[in-house]
C-alpha cells in the first residue's frame, strides 16, 4: 500500500516521535492502520510512547470556587483567546463558579438551569453576554467535590487547567501541592490497581518484543523479573501515587502523602477545550477565495 497520505504520516510522527521514513514504512507495512502502525513502531523500538493527545482547540476558561468542604470546577468556552481575556467574560465566569458552588449543581445541565444574579438562570445570562460580545459562550462542564472529613486542594493554571484533589487526612497545603502535581503531570490513574489489565498485557508484549535474543534465552523466572521491572516502572509513570512529586522530586506522591498520614479520596482535572475539535481557518485561502483568485 503505497498511497499513504502525508497527513497520516504527520499524525503518526506526532504520536510516536519517530522519523518520517520510519512512520511511512510503519503505515505501509500495516495497510495504513495508524494504531497498528504505532504498536509496530513501539515493538521495533522506534517509538518510546504514544504521544497522541485529545485534540484541543476551543478557547475559554476554567474557574473554581470552594467553601466548607465543597469545591467546584467549571469550564466556560468561547470562540477566541481575545474574548477569554475580556473583562465581561471574566466577571461572568467568576459568577458562574460561585453559582455552581452555592446552587449545589453537579453537572453543566443543572448549572445552566441555576438562578443567576440579574437573570432567570445561567443559560439566559450567557445569552445576554453573547449579545454583548458577539461570540458563542458555552457553560460546558462542571465537576463537584465534597468531603466531610478531609481537605480539598484547588489549583488553576493560567485559567486553562483546573484540578481539585480531596484528601483524607493531611493538610490543605499538601492537598494543593498534589493538585499542582496533577495539573503538571496529568496522571492517567491514581493507583497501580486502577491501571487496566489490557494495558499491562500490551506493555508486557511490547517489552518482550524489544528484548534481545540473549535476554529472551534466560530462564523463565529471570525473564519474568526483567519484564516485571519494566512494567512496574511504566505503571509508576502513569499513576499519581507512583510519580515523583513535582514539589519534591526526591520522593513519590505516595511517600509525600505517607509523611502526613494522608490518602487520596478524589482527583478531578479539567483542561479548556478537551475533546472539542476546532476547525483550523486558513485566512490566506479565505481572502484569495473572496477575491476570486482561488
Protein backbone atom coordinates (compact mmCIF):
# COMPACT_ATOMS: atom_id res chain seq x y z
CA UNK A 1 0.00 0.00 0.00
CA UNK A 2 2.00 3.00 -1.26
CA UNK A 3 -0.68 5.69 -1.32
CA UNK A 4 -0.18 6.74 2.32
CA UNK A 5 -1.16 10.37 2.77
CA UNK A 6 1.27 12.97 4.12
CA UNK A 7 -1.33 13.88 6.76
CA UNK A 8 -1.38 10.30 8.08
CA UNK A 9 2.42 10.23 8.24
CA UNK A 10 2.40 13.59 10.06
CA UNK A 11 -0.12 12.33 12.62
CA UNK A 12 1.93 9.20 13.31
CA UNK A 13 5.09 11.30 13.69
CA UNK A 14 3.35 13.48 16.28
CA UNK A 15 2.11 10.42 18.15
CA UNK A 16 5.34 8.45 18.09
CA UNK A 17 8.22 10.89 17.86
CA UNK A 18 9.74 8.58 15.21
CA UNK A 19 11.23 9.80 11.92
CA UNK A 20 9.22 10.45 8.79
CA UNK A 21 10.57 7.48 6.81
CA UNK A 22 10.04 5.10 9.74
CA UNK A 23 6.45 6.33 10.05
CA UNK A 24 5.84 5.92 6.32
CA UNK A 25 7.24 2.38 6.44
CA UNK A 26 5.15 1.52 9.51
CA UNK A 27 1.96 2.67 7.77
CA UNK A 28 2.81 0.83 4.55
CA UNK A 29 3.59 -2.37 6.47
CA UNK A 30 0.28 -2.13 8.33
CA UNK A 31 -2.07 -1.12 5.50
CA UNK A 32 -2.48 2.46 6.72
CA UNK A 33 -3.88 1.47 10.16
CA UNK A 34 -2.36 4.15 12.41
CA UNK A 35 -2.99 2.33 15.70
CA UNK A 36 -1.39 -0.89 14.48
CA UNK A 37 1.46 1.15 12.94
CA UNK A 38 2.01 2.85 16.31
CA UNK A 39 2.31 -0.50 18.02
CA UNK A 40 4.63 -1.74 15.24
CA UNK A 41 6.94 1.25 15.85
CA UNK A 42 6.97 0.64 19.58
CA UNK A 43 7.80 -3.06 19.11
CA UNK A 44 10.59 -2.02 16.76
CA UNK A 45 11.96 0.31 19.44
CA UNK A 46 11.42 3.35 17.19
CA UNK A 47 8.80 4.98 19.40
CA UNK A 48 9.11 5.47 23.15
CA UNK A 49 5.45 6.18 23.87
CA UNK A 50 2.17 7.07 22.29
CA UNK A 51 2.12 10.86 22.39
CA UNK A 52 -1.33 11.15 20.99
CA UNK A 53 -3.46 13.62 22.99
CA UNK A 54 -7.02 14.79 22.78
CA UNK A 55 -7.44 17.36 20.03
CA UNK A 56 -7.87 20.59 21.96
CA UNK A 57 -8.56 23.88 20.22
CA UNK A 58 -11.54 25.62 21.83
CA UNK A 59 -10.88 28.73 23.88
CA UNK A 60 -12.28 29.69 27.26
CA UNK A 61 -11.56 29.48 30.95
CA UNK A 62 -11.57 27.05 33.88
CA UNK A 63 -12.81 28.61 37.13
CA UNK A 64 -13.22 27.29 40.66
CA UNK A 65 -14.97 28.10 43.93
CA UNK A 66 -14.50 26.47 47.32
CA UNK A 67 -16.11 26.67 50.77
CA UNK A 68 -16.77 24.46 53.81
CA UNK A 69 -15.60 21.13 52.41
CA UNK A 70 -17.16 21.74 49.00
CA UNK A 71 -15.47 22.79 45.75
CA UNK A 72 -16.35 23.07 42.06
CA UNK A 73 -14.56 23.40 38.74
CA UNK A 74 -16.40 24.88 35.77
CA UNK A 75 -15.35 25.12 32.11
CA UNK A 76 -16.81 28.02 30.14
CA UNK A 77 -15.96 28.13 26.44
CA UNK A 78 -15.78 30.98 23.96
CA UNK A 79 -14.52 31.21 20.39
CA UNK A 80 -11.33 33.27 20.71
CA UNK A 81 -8.50 33.85 23.15
CA UNK A 82 -9.27 37.58 22.92
CA UNK A 83 -12.73 37.07 24.46
CA UNK A 84 -11.31 34.66 27.03
CA UNK A 85 -9.43 37.66 28.47
CA UNK A 86 -12.33 40.12 28.18
CA UNK A 87 -13.41 41.73 31.48
CA UNK A 88 -17.09 40.90 30.92
CA UNK A 89 -16.26 37.25 30.21
CA UNK A 90 -14.01 37.04 33.28
CA UNK A 91 -16.73 38.52 35.51
CA UNK A 92 -19.34 36.13 34.07
CA UNK A 93 -17.16 33.05 34.62
CA UNK A 94 -16.29 34.04 38.19
CA UNK A 95 -20.01 34.48 38.96
CA UNK A 96 -20.85 31.15 37.32
CA UNK A 97 -18.32 29.43 39.61
CA UNK A 98 -19.97 30.99 42.68
CA UNK A 99 -23.42 29.96 41.40
CA UNK A 100 -22.18 26.40 40.85
CA UNK A 101 -20.91 26.17 44.43
CA UNK A 102 -23.94 27.72 46.11
CA UNK A 103 -26.64 26.08 43.97
CA UNK A 104 -25.48 22.53 44.59
CA UNK A 105 -25.41 21.81 40.84
CA UNK A 106 -23.45 18.68 39.98
CA UNK A 107 -23.25 18.99 36.18
CA UNK A 108 -23.48 21.55 33.37
CA UNK A 109 -27.19 20.95 32.71
CA UNK A 110 -28.13 21.69 36.32
CA UNK A 111 -25.75 24.66 36.40
CA UNK A 112 -27.23 26.21 33.25
CA UNK A 113 -30.67 25.98 34.87
CA UNK A 114 -29.50 27.51 38.18
CA UNK A 115 -30.50 31.06 39.16
CA UNK A 116 -28.02 33.76 38.14
CA UNK A 117 -27.92 37.30 39.64
CA UNK A 118 -29.95 39.66 37.44
CA UNK A 119 -31.10 36.89 35.07
CA UNK A 120 -33.51 33.96 35.06
CA UNK A 121 -30.66 31.46 35.05
CA UNK A 122 -27.08 30.89 33.91
CA UNK A 123 -28.15 29.96 30.36
CA UNK A 124 -30.05 33.26 29.97
CA UNK A 125 -27.11 35.22 31.38
CA UNK A 126 -24.86 33.53 28.80
CA UNK A 127 -27.25 34.58 26.01
CA UNK A 128 -27.12 38.18 27.22
CA UNK A 129 -23.31 38.06 27.18
CA UNK A 130 -23.35 36.60 23.65
CA UNK A 131 -25.42 39.59 22.51
CA UNK A 132 -22.81 41.94 24.00
CA UNK A 133 -19.61 40.15 22.99
CA UNK A 134 -20.72 38.64 19.69
CA UNK A 135 -19.25 35.20 20.31
CA UNK A 136 -20.77 31.90 21.34
CA UNK A 137 -20.46 31.31 25.08
CA UNK A 138 -20.95 27.77 26.40
CA UNK A 139 -21.03 26.70 30.05
CA UNK A 140 -19.82 23.26 29.05
CA UNK A 141 -18.72 21.27 32.10
CA UNK A 142 -18.91 21.29 35.88
CA UNK A 143 -17.44 18.89 38.43
CA UNK A 144 -18.12 18.97 42.16
CA UNK A 145 -16.11 17.55 45.05
CA UNK A 146 -17.30 17.29 48.65
CA UNK A 147 -15.64 15.83 51.71
CA UNK A 148 -16.86 15.68 55.29
CA UNK A 149 -13.61 14.65 56.95
CA UNK A 150 -10.78 15.68 54.65
CA UNK A 151 -9.00 18.51 52.90
CA UNK A 152 -9.65 19.82 49.39
CA UNK A 153 -6.86 21.32 47.32
CA UNK A 154 -7.74 23.54 44.37
CA UNK A 155 -5.34 24.72 41.68
CA UNK A 156 -5.93 26.66 38.46
CA UNK A 157 -3.06 27.02 36.00
CA UNK A 158 -3.32 30.02 33.70
CA UNK A 159 -7.09 29.74 33.57
CA UNK A 160 -6.73 26.76 31.22
CA UNK A 161 -6.20 23.80 33.56
CA UNK A 162 -8.08 23.22 36.80
CA UNK A 163 -7.65 20.49 39.42
CA UNK A 164 -9.44 19.51 42.62
CA UNK A 165 -7.92 16.95 44.99
CA UNK A 166 -9.70 15.68 48.12
CA UNK A 167 -7.52 14.03 50.76
CA UNK A 168 -8.40 12.02 53.82
CA UNK A 169 -6.06 13.37 56.45
CA UNK A 170 -3.08 15.57 55.65
CA UNK A 171 -3.22 19.33 55.24
CA UNK A 172 -4.68 21.87 52.84
CA UNK A 173 -1.12 22.71 51.80
CA UNK A 174 -0.49 19.08 50.82
CA UNK A 175 -3.84 18.85 49.01
CA UNK A 176 -2.95 21.94 46.96
CA UNK A 177 0.53 20.55 46.28
CA UNK A 178 -0.95 17.32 44.93
CA UNK A 179 -3.41 19.37 42.84
CA UNK A 180 -0.45 21.27 41.35
CA UNK A 181 1.22 17.94 40.61
CA UNK A 182 -1.87 16.64 38.80
CA UNK A 183 -2.09 19.85 36.77
CA UNK A 184 1.53 19.47 35.66
CA UNK A 185 1.79 15.68 35.15
CA UNK A 186 -1.79 14.67 34.28
CA UNK A 187 -1.50 11.06 35.53
CA UNK A 188 -3.87 8.67 33.79
CA UNK A 189 -4.67 6.78 37.01
CA UNK A 190 -4.43 7.30 40.77
CA UNK A 191 -3.18 3.88 41.97
CA UNK A 192 -1.46 0.90 40.39
CA UNK A 193 -4.60 -1.20 40.87
CA UNK A 194 -6.52 1.30 38.73
CA UNK A 195 -4.41 0.52 35.65
CA UNK A 196 -6.41 -1.68 33.23
CA UNK A 197 -5.24 -5.27 32.80
CA UNK A 198 -5.25 -4.98 29.00
CA UNK A 199 -2.85 -2.01 29.20
CA UNK A 200 -0.43 -4.06 31.31
CA UNK A 201 -0.76 -7.06 28.97
CA UNK A 202 0.00 -4.87 25.96
CA UNK A 203 3.04 -3.34 27.68
CA UNK A 204 4.34 -6.81 28.57
CA UNK A 205 4.01 -7.84 24.94
CA UNK A 206 5.90 -4.75 23.79
CA UNK A 207 8.60 -5.17 26.47
CA UNK A 208 9.16 -8.77 25.39
CA UNK A 209 9.37 -7.82 21.71
CA UNK A 210 12.05 -5.21 22.49
CA UNK A 211 14.30 -7.65 24.37
CA UNK A 212 17.41 -9.09 22.79
CA UNK A 213 17.64 -12.77 21.86
CA UNK A 214 20.23 -13.14 24.63
CA UNK A 215 17.78 -11.86 27.26
CA UNK A 216 14.94 -13.98 25.84
CA UNK A 217 17.12 -17.08 26.28
CA UNK A 218 17.40 -16.53 30.05
CA UNK A 219 15.47 -18.76 32.50
CA UNK A 220 11.74 -18.01 32.72
CA UNK A 221 11.91 -16.68 36.28
CA UNK A 222 14.72 -14.25 35.34
CA UNK A 223 12.86 -13.17 32.22
CA UNK A 224 9.70 -12.55 34.26
CA UNK A 225 11.68 -10.47 36.77
CA UNK A 226 13.14 -8.31 34.00
CA UNK A 227 9.74 -7.73 32.38
CA UNK A 228 8.08 -7.07 35.75
CA UNK A 229 10.69 -4.41 36.47
CA UNK A 230 9.90 -2.68 33.18
CA UNK A 231 6.14 -2.89 33.79
CA UNK A 232 6.44 -1.55 37.34
CA UNK A 233 8.34 1.44 36.00
CA UNK A 234 5.68 2.11 33.34
CA UNK A 235 2.88 1.76 35.91
CA UNK A 236 4.65 4.26 38.18
CA UNK A 237 4.88 6.73 35.31
CA UNK A 238 1.12 6.63 34.60
CA UNK A 239 -0.14 6.66 38.20
CA UNK A 240 -0.38 9.61 40.56
CA UNK A 241 0.96 7.74 43.58
CA UNK A 242 3.88 6.29 41.65
CA UNK A 243 5.13 9.52 40.08
CA UNK A 244 7.93 11.66 41.54
CA UNK A 245 6.29 14.52 43.44
CA UNK A 246 6.79 17.75 41.47
CA UNK A 247 7.29 19.81 44.65
CA UNK A 248 9.98 17.42 45.92
CA UNK A 249 11.28 15.02 43.28
CA UNK A 250 13.28 13.10 45.90
CA UNK A 251 10.05 11.35 46.88
CA UNK A 252 6.99 9.93 45.16
CA UNK A 253 3.50 11.35 45.68
CA UNK A 254 2.72 8.23 47.75
CA UNK A 255 5.66 9.00 50.04
CA UNK A 256 4.62 12.65 50.37
CA UNK A 257 1.13 11.52 51.42
CA UNK A 258 2.52 8.92 53.85
CA UNK A 259 4.59 11.57 55.63
CA UNK A 260 1.36 13.32 56.65
CA UNK A 261 -0.73 10.19 57.10
CA UNK A 262 -2.93 11.18 54.17
CA UNK A 263 -4.68 9.29 51.39
CA UNK A 264 -6.28 10.41 48.12
CA UNK A 265 -10.08 10.35 48.03
CA UNK A 266 -10.89 12.17 44.79
CA UNK A 267 -8.99 13.68 41.86
CA UNK A 268 -10.59 15.68 39.05
CA UNK A 269 -8.84 17.61 36.29
CA UNK A 270 -10.32 19.81 33.54
CA UNK A 271 -8.47 21.47 30.66
CA UNK A 272 -10.01 24.04 28.35
CA UNK A 273 -11.37 22.52 25.16
CA UNK A 274 -10.70 18.85 25.91
CA UNK A 275 -12.46 16.75 23.31
CA UNK A 276 -13.50 19.71 21.18
CA UNK A 277 -12.24 19.78 17.61
CA UNK A 278 -11.96 23.33 16.36
CA UNK A 279 -11.76 23.93 12.60
CA UNK A 280 -8.47 25.50 11.64
CA UNK A 281 -9.10 28.53 9.49
CA UNK A 282 -6.84 29.27 6.54
CA UNK A 283 -7.18 33.05 6.33
CA UNK A 284 -4.95 33.32 3.24
CA UNK A 285 -7.13 30.83 1.34
CA UNK A 286 -10.28 32.61 2.52
CA UNK A 287 -9.04 36.02 1.30
CA UNK A 288 -7.95 34.54 -2.04
CA UNK A 289 -11.35 32.87 -2.45
CA UNK A 290 -13.26 36.07 -1.69
CA UNK A 291 -11.04 37.96 -4.13
CA UNK A 292 -11.84 35.42 -6.83
CA UNK A 293 -8.21 34.34 -7.06
CA UNK A 294 -8.66 30.77 -5.87
